[in-house]
Amino acid sequence: MEQKQKVEVLKALADETRLSIVRKLAEHGKPVTSCDIVCSCKSLESLSQPAVSHHFGKLVAAGIIREEKQGTQKVYELSAEVLESIGIDATKL
């Protein structure tokens, strides 16, 4: 992984909200909808839908999570290999 990509990953994880999203995805261990993550994470409940989308978008852009559209919903999955490549164990965040 290039230095620039490592920096982007670390910047994305530096935000408390995005770190919460990554933690929840690591707990689930499987692809889940954004609604499931928002409902299980109290820090996200107070955010507007555009703000939540912004945070998910930053994580997708950094390569930390993968996004797949299924019908009218988006499903997200943790890219643990990206985190592992820079020495981060997602289960210990």
Protein backbone atom coordinates (compact mmCIF):
# COMPACT_ATOMS: atom_id res chain seq x y z
CA MET A 1 0.00 0.00 0.00
CA GLU A 2 1.30 3.43 -0.91
CA GLN A 3 2.07 6.04 1.71
CA LYS A 4 -0.70 8.33 0.41
CA GLN A 5 -3.33 5.60 0.82
CA LYS A 6 -2.08 4.82 4.34
CA VAL A 7 -2.50 8.47 5.26
CA GLU A 8 -6.06 8.49 3.88
CA VAL A 9 -6.96 5.38 5.89
CA LEU A 10 -5.56 6.88 9.09
CA LYS A 11 -7.31 10.23 8.45
CA ALA A 12 -10.63 8.45 7.95
CA LEU A 13 -10.18 6.50 11.19
CA ALA A 14 -9.24 9.65 13.12
CA ASP A 15 -12.90 10.73 13.22
CA GLU A 16 -14.87 9.32 16.18
CA THR A 17 -18.04 8.75 14.12
CA ARG A 18 -16.22 6.85 11.38
CA LEU A 19 -14.32 4.83 13.96
CA SER A 20 -17.69 3.86 15.49
CA ILE A 21 -18.91 2.68 12.10
CA VAL A 22 -15.78 0.56 11.61
CA ARG A 23 -16.15 -0.93 15.09
CA LYS A 24 -19.76 -1.91 14.40
CA LEU A 25 -18.84 -3.49 11.08
CA ALA A 26 -16.04 -5.43 12.79
CA GLU A 27 -18.50 -6.65 15.44
CA HIS A 28 -20.97 -7.84 12.82
CA GLY A 29 -18.31 -9.61 10.80
CA LYS A 30 -20.58 -9.74 7.75
CA PRO A 31 -22.13 -7.27 5.29
CA VAL A 32 -24.85 -5.11 6.87
CA THR A 33 -27.05 -2.24 5.79
CA SER A 34 -26.33 1.31 6.87
CA CYS A 35 -29.70 1.31 8.68
CA ASP A 36 -28.57 -1.60 10.85
CA ILE A 37 -25.38 0.21 11.75
CA VAL A 38 -27.13 3.50 12.53
CA CYS A 39 -29.70 1.73 14.71
CA SER A 40 -27.01 -0.09 16.70
CA CYS A 41 -24.74 2.92 17.17
CA LYS A 42 -26.03 5.68 19.48
CA SER A 43 -23.52 8.25 18.22
CA LEU A 44 -25.04 8.00 14.72
CA GLU A 45 -28.68 8.34 15.77
CA SER A 46 -28.40 12.10 16.26
CA LEU A 47 -26.82 12.71 12.84
CA SER A 48 -28.78 13.66 9.74
CA GLN A 49 -28.96 11.22 6.84
CA PRO A 50 -26.61 13.35 4.69
CA ALA A 51 -24.06 13.43 7.52
CA VAL A 52 -24.19 9.65 7.91
CA SER A 53 -23.80 9.24 4.14
CA HIS A 54 -20.80 11.58 4.24
CA HIS A 55 -19.08 9.42 6.85
CA PHE A 56 -19.79 6.19 4.97
CA GLY A 57 -18.50 7.85 1.78
CA LYS A 58 -15.21 8.81 3.45
CA LEU A 59 -14.70 5.22 4.62
CA VAL A 60 -15.49 3.84 1.17
CA ALA A 61 -13.13 6.35 -0.50
CA ALA A 62 -10.33 5.34 1.88
CA GLY A 63 -10.93 1.67 1.05
CA ILE A 64 -11.78 0.74 4.63
CA ILE A 65 -15.26 -0.48 3.77
CA ARG A 66 -16.86 -1.84 0.61
CA GLU A 67 -20.28 -0.70 -0.58
CA GLU A 68 -22.74 -2.77 -2.60
CA LYS A 69 -26.21 -1.76 -3.66
CA GLN A 70 -28.92 -4.37 -3.07
CA GLY A 71 -32.26 -3.16 -4.29
CA THR A 72 -32.98 0.17 -2.63
CA GLN A 73 -30.44 -0.31 0.17
CA LYS A 74 -26.69 -0.12 0.39
CA VAL A 75 -24.84 -2.90 2.15
CA TYR A 76 -21.44 -2.30 3.72
CA GLU A 77 -18.65 -4.70 4.56
CA LEU A 78 -15.37 -4.08 6.35
CA SER A 79 -12.22 -4.42 4.24
CA ALA A 80 -10.18 -5.93 7.06
CA GLU A 81 -7.28 -6.63 4.70
CA VAL A 82 -6.78 -2.89 4.12
CA LEU A 83 -6.52 -2.29 7.85
CA GLU A 84 -4.30 -5.32 8.38
CA SER A 85 -1.91 -4.11 5.66
CA ILE A 86 -1.04 -1.13 7.89
CA GLY A 87 -0.97 -3.15 11.11
CA ILE A 88 -4.49 -2.48 12.43
CA ASP A 89 -6.60 -5.31 13.81
CA ALA A 90 -10.22 -4.16 13.34
CA THR A 91 -11.43 -6.38 16.17
CA LYS A 92 -9.24 -4.42 18.62
CA LEU A 93 -10.38 -0.91 17.70
